[in-house]
Amino acid sequence: MVRLTRIYTRQGDHGDTRLGDMSLVRKTSARVAAYGDVDELNSVMGLVRQQDLPAGWDERLARIQNDLFDLGADLAVPQGGDAGRLRVAPDRVAWLETWCDEVNAPLEPLNSFVLPGGTPAAAALHHARTVCRRAERATVALADAEPVNPHALAFLNRLSDLLFILARGANHAAGRTDVLWVPGGGEA
């Protein structure tokens, strides 16, 4: 269990921070950017959970928030000497895939791209999806520079898919249709 007795440390006042292995890096490092974007995604997920969601979704989204904290912990420690380190496992990716399939099953196939919108829950889920994609890009950038747990990348990729499907599912559950893109339809 983590115990925090004092929140401010003054250690970051000059732009440096410590990773989970206590190594010192700049706050602009690719690793800090990746887990920072995951942290932002977790905050957005907290906002998603305040929406009117279909039954049973809140409990699953709470699990995803915990998984995102685990992912942040994974990204906060460079690969190597992983004994006892928290790492995202493949079963978490499989769990996301199962939920994707479950929610997607009753949805109509798409014949156009979907614009973010519909219900407030769907709009919030689309917002979470775009933040998830940014976190994924930041994690890919990190993986281009140094080793990253491949399950962390798969988790973010699958989560963004799930968030898209959940946005469609939220509209469907509320009896709303998806807001579809009409190419050139924005012309006045």
N, C-alpha and C. Protein backbone atom coordinates (compact mmCIF):
# COMPACT_ATOMS: atom_id res chain seq x y z
N MET A 1 0.84 -1.18 0.00
CA MET A 1 0.00 0.00 0.00
C MET A 1 0.89 1.24 0.00
N VAL A 2 0.48 2.21 -0.75
CA VAL A 2 1.20 3.48 -0.83
C VAL A 2 0.72 4.39 0.30
N ARG A 3 1.67 5.06 0.93
CA ARG A 3 1.32 6.00 2.00
C ARG A 3 1.97 7.34 1.68
N LEU A 4 1.14 8.35 1.49
CA LEU A 4 1.63 9.69 1.18
C LEU A 4 1.31 10.59 2.38
N THR A 5 2.33 11.11 2.99
CA THR A 5 2.10 11.99 4.15
C THR A 5 2.22 13.46 3.79
N ARG A 6 2.97 13.73 2.74
CA ARG A 6 3.12 15.12 2.28
C ARG A 6 3.06 15.12 0.76
N ILE A 7 2.25 15.98 0.19
CA ILE A 7 2.06 15.98 -1.25
C ILE A 7 3.15 16.75 -1.97
N TYR A 8 3.55 17.89 -1.47
CA TYR A 8 4.60 18.64 -2.16
C TYR A 8 5.96 18.26 -1.60
N THR A 9 6.93 18.19 -2.54
CA THR A 9 8.30 17.81 -2.14
C THR A 9 9.33 18.84 -2.56
N ARG A 10 8.97 19.72 -3.46
CA ARG A 10 9.85 20.73 -4.04
C ARG A 10 10.92 20.14 -4.97
N GLN A 11 10.92 18.81 -5.13
CA GLN A 11 11.94 18.19 -5.96
C GLN A 11 11.77 18.50 -7.44
N GLY A 12 10.58 18.85 -7.86
CA GLY A 12 10.34 19.11 -9.27
C GLY A 12 10.38 20.57 -9.66
N ASP A 13 10.77 21.41 -8.76
CA ASP A 13 10.74 22.85 -9.01
C ASP A 13 11.64 23.30 -10.15
N HIS A 14 12.59 22.49 -10.54
CA HIS A 14 13.52 22.87 -11.61
C HIS A 14 13.32 22.03 -12.87
N GLY A 15 12.16 21.33 -12.94
CA GLY A 15 11.82 20.60 -14.16
C GLY A 15 12.22 19.15 -14.19
N ASP A 16 12.63 18.61 -13.07
CA ASP A 16 13.00 17.19 -13.00
C ASP A 16 12.00 16.44 -12.15
N THR A 17 11.92 15.14 -12.36
CA THR A 17 11.07 14.28 -11.54
C THR A 17 11.70 12.91 -11.42
N ARG A 18 11.27 12.15 -10.45
CA ARG A 18 11.78 10.79 -10.25
C ARG A 18 10.78 9.79 -10.80
N LEU A 19 11.32 8.80 -11.49
CA LEU A 19 10.51 7.70 -11.97
C LEU A 19 10.29 6.70 -10.85
N GLY A 20 9.53 5.66 -11.14
CA GLY A 20 9.25 4.63 -10.15
C GLY A 20 10.47 3.89 -9.66
N ASP A 21 11.55 3.88 -10.45
CA ASP A 21 12.79 3.24 -10.02
C ASP A 21 13.74 4.24 -9.36
N MET A 22 13.25 5.45 -9.12
CA MET A 22 13.96 6.55 -8.46
C MET A 22 15.00 7.22 -9.36
N SER A 23 15.06 6.86 -10.66
CA SER A 23 15.96 7.58 -11.56
C SER A 23 15.38 8.97 -11.83
N LEU A 24 16.26 9.91 -12.07
CA LEU A 24 15.88 11.31 -12.27
C LEU A 24 15.80 11.61 -13.76
N VAL A 25 14.68 12.19 -14.21
CA VAL A 25 14.50 12.57 -15.61
C VAL A 25 13.85 13.94 -15.69
N ARG A 26 13.94 14.55 -16.87
CA ARG A 26 13.25 15.80 -17.11
C ARG A 26 11.75 15.53 -17.22
N LYS A 27 10.95 16.49 -16.80
CA LYS A 27 9.50 16.34 -16.90
C LYS A 27 9.01 16.32 -18.34
N THR A 28 9.89 16.69 -19.26
CA THR A 28 9.56 16.67 -20.68
C THR A 28 9.95 15.34 -21.35
N SER A 29 10.44 14.38 -20.59
CA SER A 29 10.86 13.11 -21.18
C SER A 29 9.66 12.37 -21.78
N ALA A 30 9.95 11.52 -22.76
CA ALA A 30 8.89 10.74 -23.40
C ALA A 30 8.17 9.86 -22.40
N ARG A 31 8.88 9.35 -21.41
CA ARG A 31 8.25 8.48 -20.40
C ARG A 31 7.25 9.26 -19.56
N VAL A 32 7.64 10.44 -19.12
CA VAL A 32 6.74 11.26 -18.31
C VAL A 32 5.54 11.71 -19.14
N ALA A 33 5.77 12.04 -20.42
CA ALA A 33 4.67 12.41 -21.30
C ALA A 33 3.68 11.26 -21.44
N ALA A 34 4.18 10.04 -21.60
CA ALA A 34 3.29 8.88 -21.78
C ALA A 34 2.45 8.64 -20.54
N TYR A 35 3.08 8.58 -19.37
CA TYR A 35 2.24 8.29 -18.20
C TYR A 35 1.42 9.51 -17.78
N GLY A 36 1.85 10.70 -18.17
CA GLY A 36 1.04 11.89 -17.93
C GLY A 36 -0.24 11.87 -18.76
N ASP A 37 -0.14 11.44 -20.02
CA ASP A 37 -1.34 11.32 -20.85
C ASP A 37 -2.27 10.23 -20.34
N VAL A 38 -1.71 9.15 -19.82
CA VAL A 38 -2.53 8.10 -19.21
C VAL A 38 -3.24 8.65 -17.97
N ASP A 39 -2.56 9.47 -17.20
CA ASP A 39 -3.17 10.10 -16.03
C ASP A 39 -4.34 11.00 -16.45
N GLU A 40 -4.13 11.77 -17.52
CA GLU A 40 -5.22 12.63 -18.02
C GLU A 40 -6.40 11.77 -18.46
N LEU A 41 -6.12 10.68 -19.15
CA LEU A 41 -7.19 9.78 -19.57
C LEU A 41 -7.97 9.27 -18.37
N ASN A 42 -7.26 8.92 -17.31
CA ASN A 42 -7.93 8.44 -16.10
C ASN A 42 -8.87 9.51 -15.53
N SER A 43 -8.45 10.76 -15.58
CA SER A 43 -9.30 11.85 -15.10
C SER A 43 -10.55 11.98 -15.98
N VAL A 44 -10.37 11.87 -17.28
CA VAL A 44 -11.51 11.95 -18.19
C VAL A 44 -12.45 10.77 -17.94
N MET A 45 -11.88 9.61 -17.65
CA MET A 45 -12.74 8.45 -17.34
C MET A 45 -13.58 8.71 -16.09
N GLY A 46 -13.01 9.45 -15.13
CA GLY A 46 -13.80 9.83 -13.96
C GLY A 46 -14.99 10.68 -14.34
N LEU A 47 -14.81 11.56 -15.32
CA LEU A 47 -15.93 12.38 -15.81
C LEU A 47 -16.94 11.52 -16.57
N VAL A 48 -16.46 10.56 -17.34
CA VAL A 48 -17.37 9.65 -18.05
C VAL A 48 -18.27 8.94 -17.05
N ARG A 49 -17.71 8.52 -15.94
CA ARG A 49 -18.47 7.76 -14.95
C ARG A 49 -19.55 8.60 -14.25
N GLN A 50 -19.52 9.91 -14.45
CA GLN A 50 -20.56 10.77 -13.87
C GLN A 50 -21.78 10.89 -14.79
N GLN A 51 -21.70 10.28 -15.96
CA GLN A 51 -22.79 10.35 -16.94
C GLN A 51 -23.83 9.27 -16.65
N ASP A 52 -24.96 9.41 -17.33
CA ASP A 52 -26.03 8.40 -17.25
C ASP A 52 -25.64 7.25 -18.18
N LEU A 53 -25.15 6.17 -17.60
CA LEU A 53 -24.60 5.04 -18.36
C LEU A 53 -25.51 3.82 -18.25
N PRO A 54 -25.45 2.94 -19.23
CA PRO A 54 -26.21 1.69 -19.12
C PRO A 54 -25.81 0.89 -17.88
N ALA A 55 -26.71 0.08 -17.42
CA ALA A 55 -26.51 -0.73 -16.21
C ALA A 55 -25.25 -1.58 -16.34
N GLY A 56 -24.46 -1.61 -15.28
CA GLY A 56 -23.27 -2.44 -15.21
C GLY A 56 -22.01 -1.80 -15.78
N TRP A 57 -22.15 -0.69 -16.49
CA TRP A 57 -20.97 -0.07 -17.08
C TRP A 57 -20.09 0.62 -16.05
N ASP A 58 -20.69 1.23 -15.04
CA ASP A 58 -19.88 1.99 -14.08
C ASP A 58 -18.86 1.09 -13.38
N GLU A 59 -19.28 -0.10 -13.00
CA GLU A 59 -18.36 -1.01 -12.31
C GLU A 59 -17.19 -1.40 -13.23
N ARG A 60 -17.48 -1.62 -14.48
CA ARG A 60 -16.42 -1.98 -15.42
C ARG A 60 -15.50 -0.78 -15.69
N LEU A 61 -16.09 0.40 -15.79
CA LEU A 61 -15.27 1.59 -16.00
C LEU A 61 -14.40 1.88 -14.79
N ALA A 62 -14.89 1.57 -13.60
CA ALA A 62 -14.07 1.72 -12.39
C ALA A 62 -12.87 0.78 -12.47
N ARG A 63 -13.09 -0.42 -12.99
CA ARG A 63 -11.98 -1.37 -13.16
C ARG A 63 -10.95 -0.84 -14.16
N ILE A 64 -11.46 -0.22 -15.23
CA ILE A 64 -10.56 0.36 -16.22
C ILE A 64 -9.75 1.49 -15.61
N GLN A 65 -10.38 2.31 -14.75
CA GLN A 65 -9.61 3.37 -14.08
C GLN A 65 -8.48 2.78 -13.25
N ASN A 66 -8.75 1.70 -12.56
CA ASN A 66 -7.69 1.04 -11.78
C ASN A 66 -6.61 0.50 -12.71
N ASP A 67 -7.04 -0.10 -13.84
CA ASP A 67 -6.09 -0.61 -14.82
C ASP A 67 -5.22 0.53 -15.37
N LEU A 68 -5.82 1.71 -15.57
CA LEU A 68 -5.05 2.86 -16.06
C LEU A 68 -4.01 3.30 -15.03
N PHE A 69 -4.34 3.22 -13.76
CA PHE A 69 -3.35 3.54 -12.74
C PHE A 69 -2.22 2.51 -12.78
N ASP A 70 -2.58 1.24 -12.96
CA ASP A 70 -1.56 0.18 -13.12
C ASP A 70 -0.69 0.47 -14.34
N LEU A 71 -1.32 0.90 -15.43
CA LEU A 71 -0.57 1.23 -16.65
C LEU A 71 0.38 2.38 -16.39
N GLY A 72 -0.07 3.40 -15.68
CA GLY A 72 0.82 4.51 -15.34
C GLY A 72 2.01 4.03 -14.53
N ALA A 73 1.76 3.12 -13.59
CA ALA A 73 2.85 2.56 -12.78
C ALA A 73 3.81 1.77 -13.66
N ASP A 74 3.27 1.04 -14.63
CA ASP A 74 4.10 0.27 -15.58
C ASP A 74 4.99 1.23 -16.36
N LEU A 75 4.40 2.29 -16.91
CA LEU A 75 5.16 3.23 -17.73
C LEU A 75 6.15 4.05 -16.91
N ALA A 76 5.91 4.20 -15.62
CA ALA A 76 6.77 5.02 -14.77
C ALA A 76 8.07 4.32 -14.38
N VAL A 77 8.19 3.05 -14.76
CA VAL A 77 9.41 2.29 -14.44
C VAL A 77 9.97 1.70 -15.73
N PRO A 78 11.19 2.08 -16.11
CA PRO A 78 11.78 1.51 -17.32
C PRO A 78 11.83 -0.02 -17.25
N GLN A 79 11.78 -0.65 -18.42
CA GLN A 79 11.85 -2.10 -18.52
C GLN A 79 13.22 -2.59 -18.02
N GLY A 80 13.25 -3.83 -17.56
CA GLY A 80 14.49 -4.43 -17.07
C GLY A 80 14.43 -4.59 -15.57
N GLY A 81 14.87 -5.72 -15.09
CA GLY A 81 14.80 -5.98 -13.66
C GLY A 81 13.37 -5.90 -13.17
N ASP A 82 12.45 -6.53 -13.92
CA ASP A 82 11.02 -6.40 -13.65
C ASP A 82 10.50 -7.24 -12.49
N ALA A 83 11.34 -8.01 -11.84
CA ALA A 83 10.87 -8.86 -10.74
C ALA A 83 10.15 -8.00 -9.71
N GLY A 84 8.90 -8.32 -9.48
CA GLY A 84 8.11 -7.61 -8.49
C GLY A 84 7.50 -6.31 -8.99
N ARG A 85 7.77 -5.92 -10.24
CA ARG A 85 7.21 -4.68 -10.80
C ARG A 85 5.82 -4.94 -11.35
N LEU A 86 4.96 -3.95 -11.20
CA LEU A 86 3.61 -4.03 -11.74
C LEU A 86 3.68 -3.77 -13.24
N ARG A 87 3.21 -4.72 -14.02
CA ARG A 87 3.18 -4.59 -15.47
C ARG A 87 1.79 -4.98 -15.97
N VAL A 88 1.31 -4.31 -17.01
CA VAL A 88 0.03 -4.66 -17.62
C VAL A 88 0.16 -6.06 -18.21
N ALA A 89 -0.82 -6.90 -17.92
CA ALA A 89 -0.79 -8.30 -18.37
C ALA A 89 -1.75 -8.50 -19.55
N PRO A 90 -1.50 -9.52 -20.36
CA PRO A 90 -2.35 -9.76 -21.53
C PRO A 90 -3.81 -10.03 -21.20
N ASP A 91 -4.09 -10.54 -20.00
CA ASP A 91 -5.49 -10.82 -19.67
C ASP A 91 -6.32 -9.55 -19.58
N ARG A 92 -5.69 -8.41 -19.30
CA ARG A 92 -6.44 -7.14 -19.25
C ARG A 92 -6.84 -6.72 -20.66
N VAL A 93 -6.00 -7.00 -21.64
CA VAL A 93 -6.33 -6.71 -23.04
C VAL A 93 -7.48 -7.62 -23.48
N ALA A 94 -7.41 -8.89 -23.13
CA ALA A 94 -8.46 -9.85 -23.48
C ALA A 94 -9.80 -9.43 -22.86
N TRP A 95 -9.76 -8.94 -21.63
CA TRP A 95 -10.98 -8.48 -20.95
C TRP A 95 -11.63 -7.33 -21.72
N LEU A 96 -10.81 -6.40 -22.21
CA LEU A 96 -11.33 -5.29 -23.02
C LEU A 96 -11.96 -5.81 -24.30
N GLU A 97 -11.32 -6.78 -24.94
CA GLU A 97 -11.85 -7.35 -26.18
C GLU A 97 -13.20 -8.01 -25.96
N THR A 98 -13.35 -8.70 -24.84
CA THR A 98 -14.63 -9.35 -24.52
C THR A 98 -15.74 -8.32 -24.39
N TRP A 99 -15.44 -7.20 -23.69
CA TRP A 99 -16.45 -6.16 -23.54
C TRP A 99 -16.74 -5.49 -24.88
N CYS A 100 -15.73 -5.29 -25.70
CA CYS A 100 -15.94 -4.74 -27.06
C CYS A 100 -16.96 -5.60 -27.81
N ASP A 101 -16.74 -6.89 -27.83
CA ASP A 101 -17.62 -7.80 -28.57
C ASP A 101 -19.04 -7.78 -28.01
N GLU A 102 -19.16 -7.73 -26.69
CA GLU A 102 -20.47 -7.73 -26.04
C GLU A 102 -21.28 -6.49 -26.41
N VAL A 103 -20.67 -5.33 -26.34
CA VAL A 103 -21.39 -4.08 -26.60
C VAL A 103 -21.62 -3.89 -28.10
N ASN A 104 -20.70 -4.35 -28.92
CA ASN A 104 -20.81 -4.16 -30.36
C ASN A 104 -21.86 -5.07 -31.00
N ALA A 105 -22.14 -6.21 -30.39
CA ALA A 105 -23.03 -7.22 -31.00
C ALA A 105 -24.39 -6.66 -31.46
N PRO A 106 -25.10 -5.88 -30.65
CA PRO A 106 -26.41 -5.41 -31.10
C PRO A 106 -26.38 -4.14 -31.97
N LEU A 107 -25.22 -3.58 -32.20
CA LEU A 107 -25.12 -2.32 -32.94
C LEU A 107 -25.18 -2.57 -34.45
N GLU A 108 -25.80 -1.65 -35.15
CA GLU A 108 -25.85 -1.71 -36.61
C GLU A 108 -24.46 -1.48 -37.19
N PRO A 109 -24.13 -2.16 -38.26
CA PRO A 109 -22.84 -1.88 -38.92
C PRO A 109 -22.80 -0.43 -39.39
N LEU A 110 -21.62 0.14 -39.41
CA LEU A 110 -21.46 1.54 -39.82
C LEU A 110 -21.31 1.65 -41.33
N ASN A 111 -21.89 2.71 -41.90
CA ASN A 111 -21.71 3.00 -43.31
C ASN A 111 -21.12 4.40 -43.50
N SER A 112 -20.66 4.98 -42.39
CA SER A 112 -20.01 6.28 -42.42
C SER A 112 -19.19 6.41 -41.15
N PHE A 113 -18.31 7.41 -41.11
CA PHE A 113 -17.60 7.71 -39.87
C PHE A 113 -18.57 8.35 -38.89
N VAL A 114 -18.28 8.22 -37.62
CA VAL A 114 -19.15 8.73 -36.56
C VAL A 114 -18.57 10.03 -36.02
N LEU A 115 -19.42 11.04 -35.90
CA LEU A 115 -19.01 12.29 -35.26
C LEU A 115 -19.26 12.16 -33.76
N PRO A 116 -18.38 12.72 -32.94
CA PRO A 116 -18.61 12.66 -31.49
C PRO A 116 -19.89 13.38 -31.13
N GLY A 117 -20.77 12.71 -30.44
CA GLY A 117 -22.01 13.35 -30.03
C GLY A 117 -23.10 12.33 -29.75
N GLY A 118 -24.32 12.83 -29.75
CA GLY A 118 -25.46 12.02 -29.38
C GLY A 118 -25.84 12.36 -27.95
N THR A 119 -25.75 11.40 -27.07
CA THR A 119 -26.04 11.65 -25.67
C THR A 119 -24.82 12.25 -24.97
N PRO A 120 -25.02 12.88 -23.81
CA PRO A 120 -23.87 13.36 -23.06
C PRO A 120 -22.88 12.23 -22.73
N ALA A 121 -23.39 11.05 -22.44
CA ALA A 121 -22.50 9.91 -22.15
C ALA A 121 -21.67 9.56 -23.38
N ALA A 122 -22.28 9.53 -24.55
CA ALA A 122 -21.55 9.20 -25.77
C ALA A 122 -20.49 10.26 -26.06
N ALA A 123 -20.86 11.52 -25.89
CA ALA A 123 -19.89 12.60 -26.13
C ALA A 123 -18.70 12.48 -25.17
N ALA A 124 -18.97 12.17 -23.91
CA ALA A 124 -17.89 12.01 -22.92
C ALA A 124 -17.02 10.80 -23.27
N LEU A 125 -17.62 9.73 -23.75
CA LEU A 125 -16.85 8.55 -24.15
C LEU A 125 -15.98 8.85 -25.37
N HIS A 126 -16.50 9.64 -26.30
CA HIS A 126 -15.69 10.04 -27.45
C HIS A 126 -14.51 10.91 -26.99
N HIS A 127 -14.76 11.79 -26.02
CA HIS A 127 -13.66 12.60 -25.48
C HIS A 127 -12.60 11.68 -24.88
N ALA A 128 -13.02 10.72 -24.09
CA ALA A 128 -12.07 9.76 -23.50
C ALA A 128 -11.31 9.01 -24.59
N ARG A 129 -12.00 8.66 -25.67
CA ARG A 129 -11.35 7.94 -26.79
C ARG A 129 -10.23 8.77 -27.39
N THR A 130 -10.47 10.07 -27.58
CA THR A 130 -9.43 10.89 -28.20
C THR A 130 -8.24 11.09 -27.27
N VAL A 131 -8.50 11.21 -25.98
CA VAL A 131 -7.39 11.31 -25.02
C VAL A 131 -6.64 9.99 -24.96
N CYS A 132 -7.36 8.87 -25.07
CA CYS A 132 -6.73 7.55 -25.09
C CYS A 132 -5.82 7.42 -26.31
N ARG A 133 -6.27 7.90 -27.45
CA ARG A 133 -5.43 7.83 -28.66
C ARG A 133 -4.16 8.67 -28.48
N ARG A 134 -4.28 9.83 -27.80
CA ARG A 134 -3.09 10.64 -27.55
C ARG A 134 -2.13 9.90 -26.62
N ALA A 135 -2.67 9.27 -25.58
CA ALA A 135 -1.83 8.49 -24.66
C ALA A 135 -1.15 7.35 -25.41
N GLU A 136 -1.88 6.75 -26.34
CA GLU A 136 -1.28 5.68 -27.15
C GLU A 136 -0.14 6.23 -28.01
N ARG A 137 -0.35 7.38 -28.65
CA ARG A 137 0.72 7.96 -29.47
C ARG A 137 1.94 8.29 -28.62
N ALA A 138 1.73 8.82 -27.42
CA ALA A 138 2.85 9.14 -26.53
C ALA A 138 3.58 7.87 -26.11
N THR A 139 2.84 6.79 -25.89
CA THR A 139 3.46 5.53 -25.50
C THR A 139 4.21 4.91 -26.67
N VAL A 140 3.71 5.06 -27.88
CA VAL A 140 4.43 4.60 -29.06
C VAL A 140 5.73 5.39 -29.21
N ALA A 141 5.66 6.71 -29.00
CA ALA A 141 6.87 7.54 -29.07
C ALA A 141 7.90 7.07 -28.05
N LEU A 142 7.44 6.74 -26.85
CA LEU A 142 8.34 6.20 -25.83
C LEU A 142 8.93 4.87 -26.30
N ALA A 143 8.08 4.00 -26.85
CA ALA A 143 8.54 2.68 -27.31
C ALA A 143 9.52 2.81 -28.47
N ASP A 144 9.43 3.88 -29.24
CA ASP A 144 10.39 4.11 -30.31
C ASP A 144 11.77 4.47 -29.75
N ALA A 145 11.80 4.98 -28.52
CA ALA A 145 13.07 5.42 -27.91
C ALA A 145 13.67 4.39 -26.96
N GLU A 146 12.82 3.60 -26.31
CA GLU A 146 13.31 2.61 -25.35
C GLU A 146 12.26 1.53 -25.15
N PRO A 147 12.64 0.40 -24.59
CA PRO A 147 11.68 -0.71 -24.45
C PRO A 147 10.49 -0.36 -23.57
N VAL A 148 9.32 -0.83 -24.01
CA VAL A 148 8.06 -0.64 -23.29
C VAL A 148 7.33 -1.98 -23.30
N ASN A 149 6.64 -2.26 -22.25
CA ASN A 149 5.82 -3.46 -22.16
C ASN A 149 4.86 -3.49 -23.35
N PRO A 150 4.93 -4.49 -24.23
CA PRO A 150 4.04 -4.51 -25.40
C PRO A 150 2.57 -4.62 -25.03
N HIS A 151 2.26 -5.16 -23.85
CA HIS A 151 0.87 -5.27 -23.42
C HIS A 151 0.32 -3.89 -23.04
N ALA A 152 1.20 -2.97 -22.66
CA ALA A 152 0.76 -1.60 -22.37
C ALA A 152 0.25 -0.95 -23.65
N LEU A 153 0.99 -1.13 -24.74
CA LEU A 153 0.54 -0.58 -26.02
C LEU A 153 -0.76 -1.24 -26.49
N ALA A 154 -0.83 -2.54 -26.37
CA ALA A 154 -2.05 -3.25 -26.78
C ALA A 154 -3.24 -2.81 -25.94
N PHE A 155 -3.03 -2.60 -24.64
CA PHE A 155 -4.10 -2.16 -23.76
C PHE A 155 -4.67 -0.83 -24.23
N LEU A 156 -3.81 0.14 -24.51
CA LEU A 156 -4.28 1.46 -24.95
C LEU A 156 -4.99 1.37 -26.30
N ASN A 157 -4.46 0.57 -27.20
CA ASN A 157 -5.09 0.42 -28.51
C ASN A 157 -6.48 -0.18 -28.37
N ARG A 158 -6.60 -1.22 -27.58
CA ARG A 158 -7.89 -1.87 -27.40
C ARG A 158 -8.85 -1.00 -26.62
N LEU A 159 -8.34 -0.25 -25.64
CA LEU A 159 -9.20 0.63 -24.86
C LEU A 159 -9.80 1.71 -25.76
N SER A 160 -9.04 2.26 -26.67
CA SER A 160 -9.60 3.29 -27.55
C SER A 160 -10.70 2.68 -28.43
N ASP A 161 -10.50 1.44 -28.87
CA ASP A 161 -11.56 0.75 -29.62
C ASP A 161 -12.81 0.60 -28.75
N LEU A 162 -12.60 0.16 -27.52
CA LEU A 162 -13.73 -0.03 -26.61
C LEU A 162 -14.46 1.29 -26.37
N LEU A 163 -13.74 2.37 -26.16
CA LEU A 163 -14.40 3.64 -25.89
C LEU A 163 -15.25 4.09 -27.08
N PHE A 164 -14.79 3.83 -28.30
CA PHE A 164 -15.59 4.13 -29.49
C PHE A 164 -16.87 3.30 -29.47
N ILE A 165 -16.73 2.01 -29.22
CA ILE A 165 -17.89 1.11 -29.19
C ILE A 165 -18.84 1.50 -28.06
N LEU A 166 -18.30 1.85 -26.90
CA LEU A 166 -19.16 2.27 -25.78
C LEU A 166 -19.92 3.54 -26.11
N ALA A 167 -19.29 4.47 -26.83
CA ALA A 167 -20.00 5.69 -27.23
C ALA A 167 -21.19 5.33 -28.11
N ARG A 168 -20.97 4.44 -29.05
CA ARG A 168 -22.08 3.98 -29.90
C ARG A 168 -23.12 3.24 -29.05
N GLY A 169 -22.64 2.42 -28.11
CA GLY A 169 -23.56 1.67 -27.25
C GLY A 169 -24.38 2.57 -26.35
N ALA A 170 -23.78 3.66 -25.88
CA ALA A 170 -24.52 4.60 -25.03
C ALA A 170 -25.64 5.26 -25.82
N ASN A 171 -25.36 5.64 -27.06
CA ASN A 171 -26.42 6.20 -27.91
C ASN A 171 -27.51 5.17 -28.16
N HIS A 172 -27.10 3.95 -28.48
CA HIS A 172 -28.05 2.87 -28.75
C HIS A 172 -28.94 2.60 -27.54
N ALA A 173 -28.34 2.53 -26.35
CA ALA A 173 -29.10 2.25 -25.13
C ALA A 173 -30.10 3.37 -24.83
N ALA A 174 -29.81 4.58 -25.25
CA ALA A 174 -30.71 5.72 -25.02
C ALA A 174 -31.70 5.90 -26.17
N GLY A 175 -31.67 5.00 -27.15
CA GLY A 175 -32.57 5.10 -28.28
C GLY A 175 -32.18 6.17 -29.29
N ARG A 176 -30.93 6.58 -29.26
CA ARG A 176 -30.42 7.60 -30.19
C ARG A 176 -29.58 6.94 -31.27
N THR A 177 -29.57 7.53 -32.42
CA THR A 177 -28.70 7.03 -33.49
C THR A 177 -27.36 7.73 -33.39
N ASP A 178 -26.36 7.11 -33.97
CA ASP A 178 -25.04 7.74 -34.04
C ASP A 178 -25.14 8.99 -34.89
N VAL A 179 -24.29 9.96 -34.59
CA VAL A 179 -24.18 11.16 -35.40
C VAL A 179 -23.16 10.84 -36.49
N LEU A 180 -23.63 10.73 -37.71
CA LEU A 180 -22.77 10.29 -38.80
C LEU A 180 -22.20 11.48 -39.57
N TRP A 181 -20.97 11.29 -40.02
CA TRP A 181 -20.31 12.28 -40.86
C TRP A 181 -20.93 12.26 -42.25
N VAL A 182 -21.24 13.45 -42.76
CA VAL A 182 -21.73 13.61 -44.11
C VAL A 182 -20.67 14.41 -44.86
N PRO A 183 -19.86 13.76 -45.69
CA PRO A 183 -18.80 14.50 -46.38
C PRO A 183 -19.34 15.71 -47.12
N GLY A 184 -18.75 16.86 -46.85
CA GLY A 184 -19.21 18.09 -47.48
C GLY A 184 -20.50 18.62 -46.91
N GLY A 185 -21.05 17.95 -45.91
CA GLY A 185 -22.34 18.33 -45.34
C GLY A 185 -22.30 19.55 -44.46
N GLY A 186 -21.09 20.07 -44.18
CA GLY A 186 -20.97 21.25 -43.34
C GLY A 186 -20.98 22.54 -44.13
N GLU A 187 -21.11 22.43 -45.46
CA GLU A 187 -21.12 23.63 -46.29
C GLU A 187 -22.41 24.39 -46.11
N ALA A 188 -22.30 25.72 -46.04
CA ALA A 188 -23.49 26.55 -45.87
C ALA A 188 -24.04 26.99 -47.21
